[in-house]
Each structure stands twice: as structure tokens, then as C-alpha cells.
Amino acid sequence: MTIKANIESDIEYGKRVLKQHNAEGNCPKCKDVELEYDSGATMENEKWYCEGCGTLYEVQCQMTRFWETLEEVE
């Protein structure tokens, strides 16, 4: 079975969700430094990094499946 994924849109979605909970999307310590998505995310957590203070943050996330897009793979 092959699973289609669009990693770029997942990253953009993560940034949007982060900004909803942290209005500026910034590091809670530095306040004016925007967090950067860090690779190594799992289906339950994402990691975000602050270049200003070098802090790595872990954020819980939830994956949503859109079953209406299900396609058979040949």
C-alpha cells in the first residue's frame, strides 16, 4: 500500500496551528524570534527550533485522514 503525503502542506499547516496558539509564532523565551520547523516529526509530535536561543520545542499534533480522497494504487 502506498500513502500519498504532501510534506510541504503539513509544514505550513503546522506553522498556522502554532500561530493560532502563539499569536506571533515566536519562541516563548526570545519573544521576537520565529520558531522554525525541525525535521524528525512523528505522527504524534512535531519539533520546532529557535535559532535565537537554541531551544528545541516539541508540540503535540493530530493527523487527519481525508478518506474521501482514497484511491486505489496500481
PDB file of N, CA and C in Angstrom:
ATOM      1  N   MET A   1       0.839  -1.173   0.000  1.00  0.00           N
ATOM      2  CA  MET A   1       0.000   0.000   0.000  1.00  0.00           C
ATOM      3  C   MET A   1       0.889   1.242   0.000  1.00  0.00           C
ATOM      4  N   THR A   2       0.562   2.207  -0.805  1.00  0.00           N
ATOM      5  CA  THR A   2       1.287   3.463  -0.881  1.00  0.00           C
ATOM      6  C   THR A   2       0.433   4.569  -0.283  1.00  0.00           C
ATOM      7  N   ILE A   3       1.055   5.407   0.537  1.00  0.00           N
ATOM      8  CA  ILE A   3       0.339   6.527   1.139  1.00  0.00           C
ATOM      9  C   ILE A   3       0.857   7.809   0.504  1.00  0.00           C
ATOM     10  N   LYS A   4      -0.064   8.615  -0.009  1.00  0.00           N
ATOM     11  CA  LYS A   4       0.312   9.895  -0.595  1.00  0.00           C
ATOM     12  C   LYS A   4       0.406  10.925   0.526  1.00  0.00           C
ATOM     13  N   ALA A   5       1.431  11.738   0.495  1.00  0.00           N
ATOM     14  CA  ALA A   5       1.582  12.782   1.510  1.00  0.00           C
ATOM     15  C   ALA A   5       2.166  14.026   0.866  1.00  0.00           C
ATOM     16  N   ASN A   6       1.749  15.150   1.345  1.00  0.00           N
ATOM     17  CA  ASN A   6       2.299  16.414   0.894  1.00  0.00           C
ATOM     18  C   ASN A   6       2.980  17.053   2.098  1.00  0.00           C
ATOM     19  N   ILE A   7       4.271  16.818   2.257  1.00  0.00           N
ATOM     20  CA  ILE A   7       5.012  17.269   3.424  1.00  0.00           C
ATOM     21  C   ILE A   7       5.008  18.797   3.532  1.00  0.00           C
ATOM     22  N   GLU A   8       5.146  19.469   2.419  1.00  0.00           N
ATOM     23  CA  GLU A   8       5.177  20.934   2.459  1.00  0.00           C
ATOM     24  C   GLU A   8       3.894  21.491   3.051  1.00  0.00           C
ATOM     25  N   SER A   9       2.734  20.981   2.639  1.00  0.00           N
ATOM     26  CA  SER A   9       1.488  21.494   3.196  1.00  0.00           C
ATOM     27  C   SER A   9       1.355  21.111   4.666  1.00  0.00           C
ATOM     28  N   ASP A  10       1.906  19.977   5.091  1.00  0.00           N
ATOM     29  CA  ASP A  10       1.891  19.593   6.503  1.00  0.00           C
ATOM     30  C   ASP A  10       2.700  20.597   7.318  1.00  0.00           C
ATOM     31  N   ILE A  11       3.827  21.028   6.795  1.00  0.00           N
ATOM     32  CA  ILE A  11       4.669  22.004   7.485  1.00  0.00           C
ATOM     33  C   ILE A  11       3.939  23.333   7.586  1.00  0.00           C
ATOM     34  N   GLU A  12       3.333  23.767   6.486  1.00  0.00           N
ATOM     35  CA  GLU A  12       2.596  25.029   6.505  1.00  0.00           C
ATOM     36  C   GLU A  12       1.420  24.960   7.473  1.00  0.00           C
ATOM     37  N   TYR A  13       0.738  23.811   7.510  1.00  0.00           N
ATOM     38  CA  TYR A  13      -0.366  23.631   8.450  1.00  0.00           C
ATOM     39  C   TYR A  13       0.148  23.734   9.886  1.00  0.00           C
ATOM     40  N   GLY A  14       1.276  23.107  10.165  1.00  0.00           N
ATOM     41  CA  GLY A  14       1.864  23.167  11.499  1.00  0.00           C
ATOM     42  C   GLY A  14       2.190  24.588  11.912  1.00  0.00           C
ATOM     43  N   LYS A  15       2.720  25.379  10.980  1.00  0.00           N
ATOM     44  CA  LYS A  15       3.031  26.776  11.275  1.00  0.00           C
ATOM     45  C   LYS A  15       1.754  27.559  11.575  1.00  0.00           C
ATOM     46  N   ARG A  16       0.687  27.299  10.811  1.00  0.00           N
ATOM     47  CA  ARG A  16      -0.575  28.008  11.025  1.00  0.00           C
ATOM     48  C   ARG A  16      -1.159  27.659  12.388  1.00  0.00           C
ATOM     49  N   VAL A  17      -1.155  26.382  12.749  1.00  0.00           N
ATOM     50  CA  VAL A  17      -1.675  25.955  14.039  1.00  0.00           C
ATOM     51  C   VAL A  17      -0.848  26.548  15.169  1.00  0.00           C
ATOM     52  N   LEU A  18       0.479  26.551  15.016  1.00  0.00           N
ATOM     53  CA  LEU A  18       1.351  27.130  16.023  1.00  0.00           C
ATOM     54  C   LEU A  18       1.011  28.603  16.230  1.00  0.00           C
ATOM     55  N   LYS A  19       0.792  29.317  15.149  1.00  0.00           N
ATOM     56  CA  LYS A  19       0.488  30.742  15.258  1.00  0.00           C
ATOM     57  C   LYS A  19      -0.869  30.991  15.903  1.00  0.00           C
ATOM     58  N   GLN A  20      -1.816  30.056  15.775  1.00  0.00           N
ATOM     59  CA  GLN A  20      -3.112  30.221  16.428  1.00  0.00           C
ATOM     60  C   GLN A  20      -2.956  30.178  17.940  1.00  0.00           C
ATOM     61  N   HIS A  21      -2.064  29.346  18.429  1.00  0.00           N
ATOM     62  CA  HIS A  21      -1.867  29.208  19.860  1.00  0.00           C
ATOM     63  C   HIS A  21      -0.794  30.153  20.391  1.00  0.00           C
ATOM     64  N   ASN A  22       0.061  30.602  19.544  1.00  0.00           N
ATOM     65  CA  ASN A  22       1.114  31.550  19.889  1.00  0.00           C
ATOM     66  C   ASN A  22       1.014  32.626  18.817  1.00  0.00           C
ATOM     67  N   ALA A  23       0.236  33.652  19.102  1.00  0.00           N
ATOM     68  CA  ALA A  23      -0.204  34.621  18.097  1.00  0.00           C
ATOM     69  C   ALA A  23       0.883  35.041  17.117  1.00  0.00           C
ATOM     70  N   GLU A  24       2.102  35.153  17.559  1.00  0.00           N
ATOM     71  CA  GLU A  24       3.179  35.577  16.683  1.00  0.00           C
ATOM     72  C   GLU A  24       3.953  34.408  16.094  1.00  0.00           C
ATOM     73  N   GLY A  25       3.769  33.187  16.619  1.00  0.00           N
ATOM     74  CA  GLY A  25       4.540  32.042  16.162  1.00  0.00           C
ATOM     75  C   GLY A  25       5.988  32.141  16.582  1.00  0.00           C
ATOM     76  N   ASN A  26       6.238  32.839  17.678  1.00  0.00           N
ATOM     77  CA  ASN A  26       7.599  33.100  18.124  1.00  0.00           C
ATOM     78  C   ASN A  26       7.988  32.239  19.312  1.00  0.00           C
ATOM     79  N   CYS A  27       9.268  32.199  19.579  1.00  0.00           N
ATOM     80  CA  CYS A  27       9.808  31.493  20.730  1.00  0.00           C
ATOM     81  C   CYS A  27       9.273  32.124  22.008  1.00  0.00           C
ATOM     82  N   PRO A  28       8.758  31.317  22.945  1.00  0.00           N
ATOM     83  CA  PRO A  28       8.264  31.882  24.202  1.00  0.00           C
ATOM     84  C   PRO A  28       9.365  32.543  25.034  1.00  0.00           C
ATOM     85  N   LYS A  29      10.623  32.121  24.837  1.00  0.00           N
ATOM     86  CA  LYS A  29      11.742  32.709  25.586  1.00  0.00           C
ATOM     87  C   LYS A  29      12.230  33.999  24.936  1.00  0.00           C
ATOM     88  N   CYS A  30      12.432  33.970  23.633  1.00  0.00           N
ATOM     89  CA  CYS A  30      13.012  35.122  22.921  1.00  0.00           C
ATOM     90  C   CYS A  30      11.964  36.158  22.533  1.00  0.00           C
ATOM     91  N   LYS A  31      10.736  35.759  22.408  1.00  0.00           N
ATOM     92  CA  LYS A  31       9.590  36.612  22.053  1.00  0.00           C
ATOM     93  C   LYS A  31       9.608  37.137  20.617  1.00  0.00           C
ATOM     94  N   ASP A  32      10.748  37.539  20.084  1.00  0.00           N
ATOM     95  CA  ASP A  32      10.765  38.135  18.748  1.00  0.00           C
ATOM     96  C   ASP A  32      11.448  37.260  17.703  1.00  0.00           C
ATOM     97  N   VAL A  33      11.773  36.010  18.061  1.00  0.00           N
ATOM     98  CA  VAL A  33      12.414  35.090  17.117  1.00  0.00           C
ATOM     99  C   VAL A  33      11.397  34.020  16.722  1.00  0.00           C
ATOM    100  N   GLU A  34      11.132  33.928  15.408  1.00  0.00           N
ATOM    101  CA  GLU A  34      10.152  32.959  14.913  1.00  0.00           C
ATOM    102  C   GLU A  34      10.712  31.548  14.975  1.00  0.00           C
ATOM    103  N   LEU A  35       9.893  30.608  15.456  1.00  0.00           N
ATOM    104  CA  LEU A  35      10.308  29.208  15.514  1.00  0.00           C
ATOM    105  C   LEU A  35      10.360  28.616  14.118  1.00  0.00           C
ATOM    106  N   GLU A  36      11.308  27.709  13.900  1.00  0.00           N
ATOM    107  CA  GLU A  36      11.484  27.027  12.626  1.00  0.00           C
ATOM    108  C   GLU A  36      11.109  25.571  12.793  1.00  0.00           C
ATOM    109  N   TYR A  37      10.388  25.020  11.805  1.00  0.00           N
ATOM    110  CA  TYR A  37      10.035  23.598  11.828  1.00  0.00           C
ATOM    111  C   TYR A  37      11.310  22.784  11.753  1.00  0.00           C
ATOM    112  N   ASP A  38      11.407  21.755  12.593  1.00  0.00           N
ATOM    113  CA  ASP A  38      12.576  20.888  12.614  1.00  0.00           C
ATOM    114  C   ASP A  38      12.148  19.494  12.167  1.00  0.00           C
ATOM    115  N   SER A  39      12.941  18.850  11.354  1.00  0.00           N
ATOM    116  CA  SER A  39      12.589  17.505  10.898  1.00  0.00           C
ATOM    117  C   SER A  39      12.559  16.556  12.085  1.00  0.00           C
ATOM    118  N   GLY A  40      12.084  15.359  11.872  1.00  0.00           N
ATOM    119  CA  GLY A  40      12.027  14.378  12.938  1.00  0.00           C
ATOM    120  C   GLY A  40      10.668  14.310  13.590  1.00  0.00           C
ATOM    121  N   ALA A  41       9.658  14.834  12.929  1.00  0.00           N
ATOM    122  CA  ALA A  41       8.311  14.783  13.483  1.00  0.00           C
ATOM    123  C   ALA A  41       7.769  13.354  13.427  1.00  0.00           C
ATOM    124  N   THR A  42       6.951  13.024  14.389  1.00  0.00           N
ATOM    125  CA  THR A  42       6.250  11.741  14.385  1.00  0.00           C
ATOM    126  C   THR A  42       4.782  12.020  14.121  1.00  0.00           C
ATOM    127  N   MET A  43       3.979  10.993  14.126  1.00  0.00           N
ATOM    128  CA  MET A  43       2.546  11.188  13.912  1.00  0.00           C
ATOM    129  C   MET A  43       1.881  11.815  15.132  1.00  0.00           C
ATOM    130  N   GLU A  44       2.578  11.892  16.248  1.00  0.00           N
ATOM    131  CA  GLU A  44       2.007  12.439  17.479  1.00  0.00           C
ATOM    132  C   GLU A  44       2.646  13.750  17.908  1.00  0.00           C
ATOM    133  N   ASN A  45       3.863  14.017  17.462  1.00  0.00           N
ATOM    134  CA  ASN A  45       4.589  15.212  17.885  1.00  0.00           C
ATOM    135  C   ASN A  45       5.362  15.831  16.734  1.00  0.00           C
ATOM    136  N   GLU A  46       5.506  17.142  16.790  1.00  0.00           N
ATOM    137  CA  GLU A  46       6.371  17.867  15.865  1.00  0.00           C
ATOM    138  C   GLU A  46       7.443  18.563  16.692  1.00  0.00           C
ATOM    139  N   LYS A  47       8.585  18.796  16.081  1.00  0.00           N
ATOM    140  CA  LYS A  47       9.660  19.507  16.767  1.00  0.00           C
ATOM    141  C   LYS A  47       9.905  20.835  16.064  1.00  0.00           C
ATOM    142  N   TRP A  48      10.024  21.890  16.870  1.00  0.00           N
ATOM    143  CA  TRP A  48      10.256  23.241  16.382  1.00  0.00           C
ATOM    144  C   TRP A  48      11.479  23.795  17.098  1.00  0.00           C
ATOM    145  N   TYR A  49      12.301  24.560  16.382  1.00  0.00           N
ATOM    146  CA  TYR A  49      13.599  25.019  16.885  1.00  0.00           C
ATOM    147  C   TYR A  49      13.677  26.543  16.854  1.00  0.00           C
ATOM    148  N   CYS A  50      14.265  27.114  17.897  1.00  0.00           N
ATOM    149  CA  CYS A  50      14.518  28.555  17.939  1.00  0.00           C
ATOM    150  C   CYS A  50      15.998  28.786  17.672  1.00  0.00           C
ATOM    151  N   GLU A  51      16.294  29.504  16.601  1.00  0.00           N
ATOM    152  CA  GLU A  51      17.689  29.823  16.285  1.00  0.00           C
ATOM    153  C   GLU A  51      18.247  30.883  17.226  1.00  0.00           C
ATOM    154  N   GLY A  52      17.373  31.632  17.868  1.00  0.00           N
ATOM    155  CA  GLY A  52      17.826  32.688  18.771  1.00  0.00           C
ATOM    156  C   GLY A  52      18.470  32.155  20.037  1.00  0.00           C
ATOM    157  N   CYS A  53      17.798  31.204  20.700  1.00  0.00           N
ATOM    158  CA  CYS A  53      18.322  30.696  21.970  1.00  0.00           C
ATOM    159  C   CYS A  53      18.726  29.227  21.901  1.00  0.00           C
ATOM    160  N   GLY A  54      18.505  28.606  20.730  1.00  0.00           N
ATOM    161  CA  GLY A  54      18.905  27.214  20.553  1.00  0.00           C
ATOM    162  C   GLY A  54      17.987  26.205  21.222  1.00  0.00           C
ATOM    163  N   THR A  55      16.774  26.625  21.587  1.00  0.00           N
ATOM    164  CA  THR A  55      15.839  25.729  22.262  1.00  0.00           C
ATOM    165  C   THR A  55      15.052  24.917  21.242  1.00  0.00           C
ATOM    166  N   LEU A  56      14.917  23.631  21.519  1.00  0.00           N
ATOM    167  CA  LEU A  56      14.110  22.741  20.697  1.00  0.00           C
ATOM    168  C   LEU A  56      12.801  22.486  21.443  1.00  0.00           C
ATOM    169  N   TYR A  57      11.676  22.720  20.776  1.00  0.00           N
ATOM    170  CA  TYR A  57      10.360  22.519  21.373  1.00  0.00           C
ATOM    171  C   TYR A  57       9.683  21.329  20.720  1.00  0.00           C
ATOM    172  N   GLU A  58       8.875  20.637  21.497  1.00  0.00           N
ATOM    173  CA  GLU A  58       8.062  19.543  20.963  1.00  0.00           C
ATOM    174  C   GLU A  58       6.602  19.931  21.151  1.00  0.00           C
ATOM    175  N   VAL A  59       5.820  19.776  20.091  1.00  0.00           N
ATOM    176  CA  VAL A  59       4.415  20.156  20.089  1.00  0.00           C
ATOM    177  C   VAL A  59       3.584  18.948  19.702  1.00  0.00           C
ATOM    178  N   GLN A  60       2.542  18.684  20.470  1.00  0.00           N
ATOM    179  CA  GLN A  60       1.646  17.580  20.105  1.00  0.00           C
ATOM    180  C   GLN A  60       0.863  17.961  18.862  1.00  0.00           C
ATOM    181  N   CYS A  61       0.627  16.988  18.000  1.00  0.00           N
ATOM    182  CA  CYS A  61      -0.155  17.237  16.796  1.00  0.00           C
ATOM    183  C   CYS A  61      -1.092  16.055  16.558  1.00  0.00           C
ATOM    184  N   GLN A  62      -2.044  16.272  15.705  1.00  0.00           N
ATOM    185  CA  GLN A  62      -3.002  15.235  15.371  1.00  0.00           C
ATOM    186  C   GLN A  62      -3.093  15.139  13.854  1.00  0.00           C
ATOM    187  N   MET A  63      -2.980  13.930  13.350  1.00  0.00           N
ATOM    188  CA  MET A  63      -3.064  13.724  11.916  1.00  0.00           C
ATOM    189  C   MET A  63      -4.520  13.456  11.530  1.00  0.00           C
ATOM    190  N   THR A  64      -4.952  14.072  10.453  1.00  0.00           N
ATOM    191  CA  THR A  64      -6.308  13.873   9.958  1.00  0.00           C
ATOM    192  C   THR A  64      -6.242  13.170   8.618  1.00  0.00           C
ATOM    193  N   ARG A  65      -7.025  12.119   8.478  1.00  0.00           N
ATOM    194  CA  ARG A  65      -7.105  11.402   7.197  1.00  0.00           C
ATOM    195  C   ARG A  65      -8.361  11.865   6.460  1.00  0.00           C
ATOM    196  N   PHE A  66      -8.213  12.126   5.178  1.00  0.00           N
ATOM    197  CA  PHE A  66      -9.336  12.520   4.340  1.00  0.00           C
ATOM    198  C   PHE A  66      -9.719  11.318   3.482  1.00  0.00           C
ATOM    199  N   TRP A  67     -10.547  10.447   4.039  1.00  0.00           N
ATOM    200  CA  TRP A  67     -10.896   9.188   3.383  1.00  0.00           C
ATOM    201  C   TRP A  67     -11.607   9.395   2.057  1.00  0.00           C
ATOM    202  N   GLU A  68     -12.212  10.541   1.858  1.00  0.00           N
ATOM    203  CA  GLU A  68     -12.886  10.807   0.583  1.00  0.00           C
ATOM    204  C   GLU A  68     -11.879  10.926  -0.563  1.00  0.00           C
ATOM    205  N   THR A  69     -10.588  11.029  -0.256  1.00  0.00           N
ATOM    206  CA  THR A  69      -9.560  11.107  -1.294  1.00  0.00           C
ATOM    207  C   THR A  69      -8.910   9.745  -1.556  1.00  0.00           C
ATOM    208  N   LEU A  70      -9.421   8.707  -0.934  1.00  0.00           N
ATOM    209  CA  LEU A  70      -8.864   7.357  -1.068  1.00  0.00           C
ATOM    210  C   LEU A  70      -8.837   6.929  -2.534  1.00  0.00           C
ATOM    211  N   GLU A  71      -7.690   6.467  -3.007  1.00  0.00           N
ATOM    212  CA  GLU A  71      -7.523   5.997  -4.377  1.00  0.00           C
ATOM    213  C   GLU A  71      -6.796   4.667  -4.367  1.00  0.00           C
ATOM    214  N   GLU A  72      -7.204   3.784  -5.259  1.00  0.00           N
ATOM    215  CA  GLU A  72      -6.515   2.508  -5.393  1.00  0.00           C
ATOM    216  C   GLU A  72      -5.179   2.729  -6.096  1.00  0.00           C
ATOM    217  N   VAL A  73      -4.136   2.061  -5.612  1.00  0.00           N
ATOM    218  CA  VAL A  73      -2.803   2.183  -6.180  1.00  0.00           C
ATOM    219  C   VAL A  73      -2.530   0.946  -7.011  1.00  0.00           C
ATOM    220  N   GLU A  74      -2.115   1.152  -8.234  1.00  0.00           N
ATOM    221  CA  GLU A  74      -1.847   0.014  -9.131  1.00  0.00           C
ATOM    222  C   GLU A  74      -0.411  -0.423  -9.070  1.00  0.00           C
TER     223      GLU A  74
END
